Amino acid sequence: MELLAPSSTHDPDLDPPRHRPTGPQRPPFLPQEYQRLVANPFLALLGLIIWFAAFWEALDSRNLPLVGLALLVLGAVGYLLQYHCLDCGTTGLLFRWKSHACERVLARQQAGRVRRFRGPNPTFQTVLWTYLMIGVAILIAVVLLAGRS
């Protein structure tokens, strides 16, 4: 009598292949680890200043439709936030910084050269710039108010 091996419920024709880890595997590198990007919020700052002046003027003239239009335009200021690539000089929307891949970024990725100190990503850089600009605005307001006394 012949002994049969226990039957398996795995069908190699229909089921996906079983993954057998061969040892500790590194997670795949993200493309962001090879980018050299800097946030550029200054166009958005200029747009915000122009928006604030227009909104103030609309409130001062008591023009309700213009106030409503100014509030709608405020949403578009976010599209003025940009990033700048230090490798190729490209400037793009901040919302798309993760998908940027120029030739130098791809070459670093293929060579596996991850930069040791990458610094903060462009989104975090924009948050830092915002805090800095708010701090400067507060200092200017304090100096101007102290000068009136």
N, C-alpha and C. Protein backbone atom coordinates (compact mmCIF):
# COMPACT_ATOMS: atom_id res chain seq x y z
N MET A 1 0.83 -1.16 0.00
CA MET A 1 0.00 0.00 0.00
C MET A 1 0.89 1.24 0.00
N GLU A 2 0.50 2.18 -0.78
CA GLU A 2 1.28 3.39 -0.97
C GLU A 2 0.68 4.52 -0.14
N LEU A 3 1.52 5.26 0.58
CA LEU A 3 1.04 6.37 1.38
C LEU A 3 1.00 7.63 0.52
N LEU A 4 -0.09 8.34 0.58
CA LEU A 4 -0.25 9.58 -0.19
C LEU A 4 0.07 10.77 0.70
N ALA A 5 0.66 11.77 0.08
CA ALA A 5 0.94 13.01 0.81
C ALA A 5 -0.37 13.73 1.08
N PRO A 6 -0.43 14.47 2.18
CA PRO A 6 -1.67 15.19 2.46
C PRO A 6 -1.96 16.18 1.32
N SER A 7 -3.21 16.23 0.92
CA SER A 7 -3.58 17.11 -0.19
C SER A 7 -3.60 18.56 0.28
N SER A 8 -3.29 19.45 -0.64
CA SER A 8 -3.24 20.87 -0.34
C SER A 8 -4.44 21.55 -0.98
N THR A 9 -4.88 22.62 -0.40
CA THR A 9 -6.00 23.37 -0.98
C THR A 9 -5.51 24.40 -1.98
N HIS A 10 -4.21 24.47 -2.17
CA HIS A 10 -3.62 25.44 -3.11
C HIS A 10 -3.65 24.86 -4.52
N ASP A 11 -4.31 25.58 -5.42
CA ASP A 11 -4.36 25.18 -6.83
C ASP A 11 -3.41 26.08 -7.60
N PRO A 12 -2.30 25.58 -8.13
CA PRO A 12 -1.32 26.44 -8.80
C PRO A 12 -1.84 27.08 -10.07
N ASP A 13 -2.89 26.53 -10.65
CA ASP A 13 -3.43 27.13 -11.87
C ASP A 13 -4.34 28.32 -11.60
N LEU A 14 -5.01 28.32 -10.46
CA LEU A 14 -5.99 29.36 -10.18
C LEU A 14 -5.58 30.32 -9.07
N ASP A 15 -4.86 29.84 -8.10
CA ASP A 15 -4.49 30.66 -6.95
C ASP A 15 -3.21 31.43 -7.25
N PRO A 16 -3.08 32.64 -6.65
CA PRO A 16 -1.82 33.36 -6.83
C PRO A 16 -0.68 32.60 -6.16
N PRO A 17 0.53 32.78 -6.66
CA PRO A 17 1.65 32.04 -6.06
C PRO A 17 1.87 32.47 -4.62
N ARG A 18 2.29 31.49 -3.84
CA ARG A 18 2.57 31.77 -2.44
C ARG A 18 3.91 32.47 -2.33
N HIS A 19 3.93 33.47 -1.47
CA HIS A 19 5.17 34.24 -1.27
C HIS A 19 5.92 33.63 -0.10
N ARG A 20 7.15 33.25 -0.36
CA ARG A 20 7.99 32.70 0.71
C ARG A 20 9.16 33.65 0.92
N PRO A 21 9.14 34.37 2.03
CA PRO A 21 10.26 35.27 2.28
C PRO A 21 11.56 34.51 2.45
N THR A 22 12.61 35.02 1.84
CA THR A 22 13.91 34.36 1.90
C THR A 22 14.81 34.98 2.96
N GLY A 23 14.32 35.95 3.65
CA GLY A 23 15.12 36.62 4.67
C GLY A 23 14.57 38.02 4.88
N PRO A 24 15.25 38.81 5.71
CA PRO A 24 14.77 40.16 5.93
C PRO A 24 14.90 40.98 4.64
N GLN A 25 13.80 41.57 4.24
CA GLN A 25 13.81 42.37 3.02
C GLN A 25 13.60 43.83 3.36
N ARG A 26 14.30 44.71 2.63
CA ARG A 26 14.16 46.13 2.84
C ARG A 26 12.91 46.62 2.14
N PRO A 27 12.21 47.56 2.75
CA PRO A 27 11.07 48.13 2.04
C PRO A 27 11.58 48.93 0.84
N PRO A 28 10.78 49.04 -0.21
CA PRO A 28 11.25 49.78 -1.39
C PRO A 28 11.44 51.25 -1.05
N PHE A 29 12.43 51.85 -1.69
CA PHE A 29 12.70 53.27 -1.47
C PHE A 29 11.62 54.11 -2.12
N LEU A 30 11.27 55.16 -1.46
CA LEU A 30 10.32 56.10 -2.03
C LEU A 30 11.07 57.05 -2.96
N PRO A 31 10.45 57.51 -4.04
CA PRO A 31 11.14 58.46 -4.92
C PRO A 31 11.51 59.75 -4.20
N GLN A 32 10.78 60.09 -3.14
CA GLN A 32 11.06 61.33 -2.41
C GLN A 32 12.42 61.30 -1.74
N GLU A 33 13.00 60.11 -1.55
CA GLU A 33 14.30 60.01 -0.90
C GLU A 33 15.43 60.45 -1.82
N TYR A 34 15.15 60.63 -3.08
CA TYR A 34 16.18 61.01 -4.05
C TYR A 34 16.00 62.43 -4.57
N GLN A 35 14.94 63.10 -4.18
CA GLN A 35 14.66 64.45 -4.69
C GLN A 35 15.37 65.50 -3.86
N ARG A 36 15.69 66.60 -4.52
CA ARG A 36 16.23 67.79 -3.84
C ARG A 36 15.30 68.94 -4.19
N LEU A 37 14.29 69.15 -3.35
CA LEU A 37 13.25 70.14 -3.63
C LEU A 37 13.19 71.17 -2.52
N VAL A 38 12.87 72.40 -2.92
CA VAL A 38 12.73 73.51 -2.00
C VAL A 38 11.35 74.12 -2.21
N ALA A 39 10.65 74.43 -1.13
CA ALA A 39 9.35 75.08 -1.22
C ALA A 39 9.52 76.53 -1.63
N ASN A 40 8.58 77.02 -2.43
CA ASN A 40 8.61 78.40 -2.90
C ASN A 40 7.24 79.02 -2.64
N PRO A 41 7.00 79.55 -1.43
CA PRO A 41 5.69 80.10 -1.10
C PRO A 41 5.53 81.59 -1.40
N PHE A 42 6.52 82.21 -2.03
CA PHE A 42 6.50 83.66 -2.16
C PHE A 42 5.46 84.17 -3.14
N LEU A 43 5.17 83.42 -4.21
CA LEU A 43 4.11 83.82 -5.13
C LEU A 43 2.76 83.75 -4.41
N ALA A 44 2.57 82.73 -3.58
CA ALA A 44 1.33 82.63 -2.80
C ALA A 44 1.24 83.77 -1.79
N LEU A 45 2.37 84.16 -1.21
CA LEU A 45 2.36 85.29 -0.27
C LEU A 45 1.96 86.57 -0.98
N LEU A 46 2.51 86.79 -2.17
CA LEU A 46 2.13 87.97 -2.94
C LEU A 46 0.64 87.92 -3.28
N GLY A 47 0.14 86.76 -3.70
CA GLY A 47 -1.28 86.62 -3.99
C GLY A 47 -2.14 86.86 -2.77
N LEU A 48 -1.68 86.42 -1.60
CA LEU A 48 -2.42 86.62 -0.37
C LEU A 48 -2.46 88.11 0.02
N ILE A 49 -1.35 88.79 -0.20
CA ILE A 49 -1.32 90.23 0.10
C ILE A 49 -2.27 90.99 -0.83
N ILE A 50 -2.24 90.65 -2.11
CA ILE A 50 -3.15 91.30 -3.06
C ILE A 50 -4.60 90.96 -2.72
N TRP A 51 -4.86 89.69 -2.36
CA TRP A 51 -6.21 89.31 -1.96
C TRP A 51 -6.67 90.09 -0.74
N PHE A 52 -5.79 90.21 0.27
CA PHE A 52 -6.15 90.93 1.48
C PHE A 52 -6.47 92.39 1.18
N ALA A 53 -5.68 93.02 0.31
CA ALA A 53 -5.94 94.42 -0.05
C ALA A 53 -7.28 94.55 -0.78
N ALA A 54 -7.57 93.63 -1.72
CA ALA A 54 -8.85 93.68 -2.44
C ALA A 54 -10.02 93.41 -1.51
N PHE A 55 -9.85 92.46 -0.60
CA PHE A 55 -10.92 92.14 0.35
C PHE A 55 -11.19 93.33 1.27
N TRP A 56 -10.13 93.97 1.74
CA TRP A 56 -10.27 95.14 2.61
C TRP A 56 -10.99 96.27 1.88
N GLU A 57 -10.63 96.47 0.63
CA GLU A 57 -11.27 97.51 -0.18
C GLU A 57 -12.74 97.18 -0.42
N ALA A 58 -13.06 95.90 -0.66
CA ALA A 58 -14.46 95.50 -0.86
C ALA A 58 -15.27 95.70 0.41
N LEU A 59 -14.69 95.39 1.56
CA LEU A 59 -15.39 95.61 2.82
C LEU A 59 -15.58 97.10 3.09
N ASP A 60 -14.57 97.86 2.76
CA ASP A 60 -14.63 99.31 3.00
C ASP A 60 -15.69 99.97 2.13
N SER A 61 -15.84 99.51 0.90
CA SER A 61 -16.83 100.10 0.00
C SER A 61 -18.22 99.46 0.17
N ARG A 62 -18.33 98.45 1.03
CA ARG A 62 -19.59 97.75 1.31
C ARG A 62 -20.20 97.17 0.03
N ASN A 63 -19.36 96.60 -0.78
CA ASN A 63 -19.79 95.97 -2.02
C ASN A 63 -19.89 94.47 -1.77
N LEU A 64 -21.10 93.97 -1.48
CA LEU A 64 -21.30 92.58 -1.10
C LEU A 64 -20.91 91.58 -2.19
N PRO A 65 -21.25 91.80 -3.46
CA PRO A 65 -20.82 90.82 -4.48
C PRO A 65 -19.30 90.74 -4.60
N LEU A 66 -18.62 91.85 -4.44
CA LEU A 66 -17.16 91.85 -4.51
C LEU A 66 -16.55 91.12 -3.32
N VAL A 67 -17.20 91.22 -2.16
CA VAL A 67 -16.74 90.48 -0.98
C VAL A 67 -16.88 88.98 -1.22
N GLY A 68 -18.01 88.57 -1.79
CA GLY A 68 -18.21 87.16 -2.11
C GLY A 68 -17.21 86.65 -3.12
N LEU A 69 -16.91 87.45 -4.13
CA LEU A 69 -15.92 87.07 -5.13
C LEU A 69 -14.53 86.96 -4.50
N ALA A 70 -14.21 87.86 -3.60
CA ALA A 70 -12.91 87.81 -2.94
C ALA A 70 -12.78 86.55 -2.09
N LEU A 71 -13.87 86.12 -1.46
CA LEU A 71 -13.82 84.89 -0.67
C LEU A 71 -13.63 83.67 -1.56
N LEU A 72 -14.22 83.69 -2.75
CA LEU A 72 -14.02 82.58 -3.68
C LEU A 72 -12.58 82.53 -4.19
N VAL A 73 -12.00 83.68 -4.42
CA VAL A 73 -10.63 83.74 -4.94
C VAL A 73 -9.63 83.27 -3.89
N LEU A 74 -9.96 83.37 -2.62
CA LEU A 74 -9.06 82.93 -1.56
C LEU A 74 -8.70 81.45 -1.73
N GLY A 75 -9.61 80.64 -2.21
CA GLY A 75 -9.33 79.22 -2.43
C GLY A 75 -8.29 78.99 -3.51
N ALA A 76 -8.15 79.93 -4.44
CA ALA A 76 -7.19 79.78 -5.54
C ALA A 76 -5.77 80.12 -5.10
N VAL A 77 -5.60 80.75 -3.95
CA VAL A 77 -4.26 81.13 -3.51
C VAL A 77 -3.41 79.89 -3.26
N GLY A 78 -4.02 78.79 -2.87
CA GLY A 78 -3.28 77.55 -2.64
C GLY A 78 -2.59 77.03 -3.89
N TYR A 79 -3.14 77.35 -5.06
CA TYR A 79 -2.51 76.91 -6.31
C TYR A 79 -1.28 77.75 -6.67
N LEU A 80 -1.00 78.78 -5.89
CA LEU A 80 0.21 79.58 -6.11
C LEU A 80 1.39 79.05 -5.31
N LEU A 81 1.15 78.06 -4.43
CA LEU A 81 2.25 77.43 -3.70
C LEU A 81 3.03 76.55 -4.67
N GLN A 82 4.35 76.66 -4.65
CA GLN A 82 5.17 75.94 -5.62
C GLN A 82 6.35 75.27 -4.94
N TYR A 83 6.97 74.33 -5.69
CA TYR A 83 8.25 73.75 -5.29
C TYR A 83 9.25 74.04 -6.40
N HIS A 84 10.52 73.99 -6.04
CA HIS A 84 11.59 74.21 -7.01
C HIS A 84 12.60 73.08 -6.87
N CYS A 85 12.94 72.44 -8.00
CA CYS A 85 13.90 71.34 -7.99
C CYS A 85 15.32 71.92 -8.10
N LEU A 86 16.19 71.53 -7.20
CA LEU A 86 17.56 72.02 -7.24
C LEU A 86 18.39 71.30 -8.29
N ASP A 87 17.92 70.18 -8.82
CA ASP A 87 18.66 69.43 -9.83
C ASP A 87 18.42 69.96 -11.24
N CYS A 88 17.14 70.13 -11.61
CA CYS A 88 16.84 70.51 -12.99
C CYS A 88 16.28 71.91 -13.12
N GLY A 89 15.95 72.57 -12.01
CA GLY A 89 15.44 73.93 -12.07
C GLY A 89 13.95 74.02 -12.34
N THR A 90 13.25 72.92 -12.35
CA THR A 90 11.82 72.92 -12.62
C THR A 90 11.06 73.48 -11.43
N THR A 91 10.02 74.24 -11.74
CA THR A 91 9.11 74.74 -10.72
C THR A 91 7.73 74.19 -11.03
N GLY A 92 7.05 73.66 -10.02
CA GLY A 92 5.72 73.08 -10.21
C GLY A 92 4.84 73.32 -9.01
N LEU A 93 3.59 72.89 -9.13
CA LEU A 93 2.64 73.04 -8.03
C LEU A 93 3.08 72.21 -6.83
N LEU A 94 2.93 72.77 -5.66
CA LEU A 94 3.35 72.09 -4.44
C LEU A 94 2.58 70.78 -4.24
N PHE A 95 1.35 70.72 -4.74
CA PHE A 95 0.54 69.52 -4.57
C PHE A 95 1.10 68.34 -5.36
N ARG A 96 2.00 68.58 -6.31
CA ARG A 96 2.53 67.52 -7.16
C ARG A 96 4.01 67.23 -6.92
N TRP A 97 4.55 67.63 -5.80
CA TRP A 97 5.98 67.48 -5.59
C TRP A 97 6.40 66.02 -5.49
N LYS A 98 5.53 65.14 -5.01
CA LYS A 98 5.90 63.74 -4.85
C LYS A 98 6.10 63.03 -6.19
N SER A 99 5.48 63.53 -7.24
CA SER A 99 5.58 62.86 -8.54
C SER A 99 6.70 63.42 -9.41
N HIS A 100 7.47 64.36 -8.91
CA HIS A 100 8.56 64.94 -9.71
C HIS A 100 9.70 63.94 -9.83
N ALA A 101 10.12 63.67 -11.05
CA ALA A 101 11.24 62.76 -11.28
C ALA A 101 12.00 63.24 -12.52
N CYS A 102 13.04 64.04 -12.30
CA CYS A 102 13.87 64.48 -13.42
C CYS A 102 14.99 63.45 -13.64
N GLU A 103 15.85 63.72 -14.60
CA GLU A 103 16.89 62.75 -14.95
C GLU A 103 17.85 62.48 -13.78
N ARG A 104 18.23 63.51 -13.06
CA ARG A 104 19.16 63.33 -11.94
C ARG A 104 18.53 62.54 -10.80
N VAL A 105 17.25 62.78 -10.55
CA VAL A 105 16.56 62.02 -9.50
C VAL A 105 16.49 60.55 -9.89
N LEU A 106 16.16 60.27 -11.15
CA LEU A 106 16.10 58.89 -11.61
C LEU A 106 17.48 58.23 -11.59
N ALA A 107 18.53 59.00 -11.93
CA ALA A 107 19.89 58.44 -11.89
C ALA A 107 20.29 58.08 -10.47
N ARG A 108 19.96 58.95 -9.49
CA ARG A 108 20.24 58.65 -8.09
C ARG A 108 19.45 57.43 -7.63
N GLN A 109 18.22 57.32 -8.09
CA GLN A 109 17.38 56.20 -7.68
C GLN A 109 17.92 54.89 -8.25
N GLN A 110 18.34 54.89 -9.51
CA GLN A 110 18.87 53.67 -10.12
C GLN A 110 20.21 53.27 -9.50
N ALA A 111 21.01 54.26 -9.11
CA ALA A 111 22.29 53.96 -8.47
C ALA A 111 22.12 53.59 -7.00
N GLY A 112 20.95 53.88 -6.44
CA GLY A 112 20.71 53.56 -5.04
C GLY A 112 21.39 54.52 -4.08
N ARG A 113 21.70 55.73 -4.54
CA ARG A 113 22.35 56.73 -3.69
C ARG A 113 21.30 57.58 -2.99
N VAL A 114 20.99 57.23 -1.77
CA VAL A 114 20.06 58.01 -0.96
C VAL A 114 20.88 59.07 -0.24
N ARG A 115 20.39 60.30 -0.28
CA ARG A 115 21.12 61.37 0.41
C ARG A 115 21.01 61.19 1.91
N ARG A 116 22.09 61.44 2.61
CA ARG A 116 22.09 61.25 4.07
C ARG A 116 21.17 62.23 4.76
N PHE A 117 21.33 63.51 4.45
CA PHE A 117 20.48 64.53 5.06
C PHE A 117 19.58 65.10 3.97
N ARG A 118 18.32 64.72 4.02
CA ARG A 118 17.39 65.18 3.01
C ARG A 118 16.72 66.48 3.41
N GLY A 119 16.60 66.75 4.66
CA GLY A 119 15.88 67.92 5.11
C GLY A 119 14.38 67.69 5.05
N PRO A 120 13.61 68.67 5.44
CA PRO A 120 12.16 68.50 5.44
C PRO A 120 11.61 68.50 4.01
N ASN A 121 10.47 67.86 3.82
CA ASN A 121 9.85 67.85 2.50
C ASN A 121 9.22 69.21 2.21
N PRO A 122 8.89 69.49 0.96
CA PRO A 122 8.37 70.83 0.61
C PRO A 122 7.09 71.22 1.35
N THR A 123 6.24 70.27 1.68
CA THR A 123 5.02 70.62 2.41
C THR A 123 5.38 71.13 3.81
N PHE A 124 6.30 70.44 4.48
CA PHE A 124 6.71 70.88 5.81
C PHE A 124 7.49 72.19 5.73
N GLN A 125 8.28 72.37 4.67
CA GLN A 125 8.98 73.64 4.47
C GLN A 125 7.98 74.79 4.35
N THR A 126 6.86 74.56 3.66
CA THR A 126 5.84 75.60 3.52
C THR A 126 5.22 75.94 4.86
N VAL A 127 5.01 74.93 5.70
CA VAL A 127 4.48 75.18 7.05
C VAL A 127 5.48 76.02 7.85
N LEU A 128 6.77 75.69 7.74
CA LEU A 128 7.79 76.47 8.45
C LEU A 128 7.83 77.91 7.93
N TRP A 129 7.74 78.08 6.60
CA TRP A 129 7.71 79.43 6.03
C TRP A 129 6.50 80.20 6.55
N THR A 130 5.36 79.53 6.67
CA THR A 130 4.15 80.19 7.17
C THR A 130 4.34 80.67 8.60
N TYR A 131 4.92 79.81 9.45
CA TYR A 131 5.19 80.24 10.83
C TYR A 131 6.17 81.42 10.86
N LEU A 132 7.17 81.38 10.02
CA LEU A 132 8.14 82.47 9.97
C LEU A 132 7.47 83.78 9.54
N MET A 133 6.63 83.70 8.52
CA MET A 133 5.95 84.92 8.03
C MET A 133 4.98 85.46 9.06
N ILE A 134 4.28 84.59 9.78
CA ILE A 134 3.38 85.05 10.84
C ILE A 134 4.18 85.70 11.96
N GLY A 135 5.33 85.12 12.32
CA GLY A 135 6.18 85.72 13.34
C GLY A 135 6.70 87.09 12.94
N VAL A 136 7.12 87.22 11.68
CA VAL A 136 7.60 88.52 11.19
C VAL A 136 6.46 89.53 11.19
N ALA A 137 5.26 89.11 10.79
CA ALA A 137 4.12 90.03 10.79
C ALA A 137 3.78 90.49 12.20
N ILE A 138 3.87 89.59 13.16
CA ILE A 138 3.61 89.97 14.56
C ILE A 138 4.67 90.95 15.05
N LEU A 139 5.94 90.69 14.72
CA LEU A 139 7.01 91.62 15.12
C LEU A 139 6.81 93.00 14.49
N ILE A 140 6.44 93.05 13.24
CA ILE A 140 6.20 94.34 12.58
C ILE A 140 5.03 95.06 13.24
N ALA A 141 3.96 94.31 13.57
CA ALA A 141 2.82 94.94 14.24
C ALA A 141 3.21 95.48 15.61
N VAL A 142 4.02 94.72 16.36
CA VAL A 142 4.46 95.18 17.68
C VAL A 142 5.31 96.44 17.57
N VAL A 143 6.23 96.45 16.59
CA VAL A 143 7.09 97.64 16.42
C VAL A 143 6.27 98.84 16.00
N LEU A 144 5.30 98.64 15.11
CA LEU A 144 4.46 99.77 14.67
C LEU A 144 3.58 100.28 15.79
N LEU A 145 3.03 99.37 16.60
CA LEU A 145 2.20 99.80 17.72
C LEU A 145 3.05 100.47 18.81
N ALA A 146 4.26 100.00 19.01
CA ALA A 146 5.13 100.63 20.01
C ALA A 146 5.58 102.01 19.54
N GLY A 147 5.70 102.21 18.23
CA GLY A 147 6.10 103.51 17.70
C GLY A 147 5.01 104.55 17.85
N ARG A 148 3.76 104.14 17.92
CA ARG A 148 2.65 105.09 18.08
C ARG A 148 2.54 105.61 19.50
N SER A 149 3.03 104.83 20.46
CA SER A 149 2.89 105.22 21.87
C SER A 149 3.80 106.34 22.26
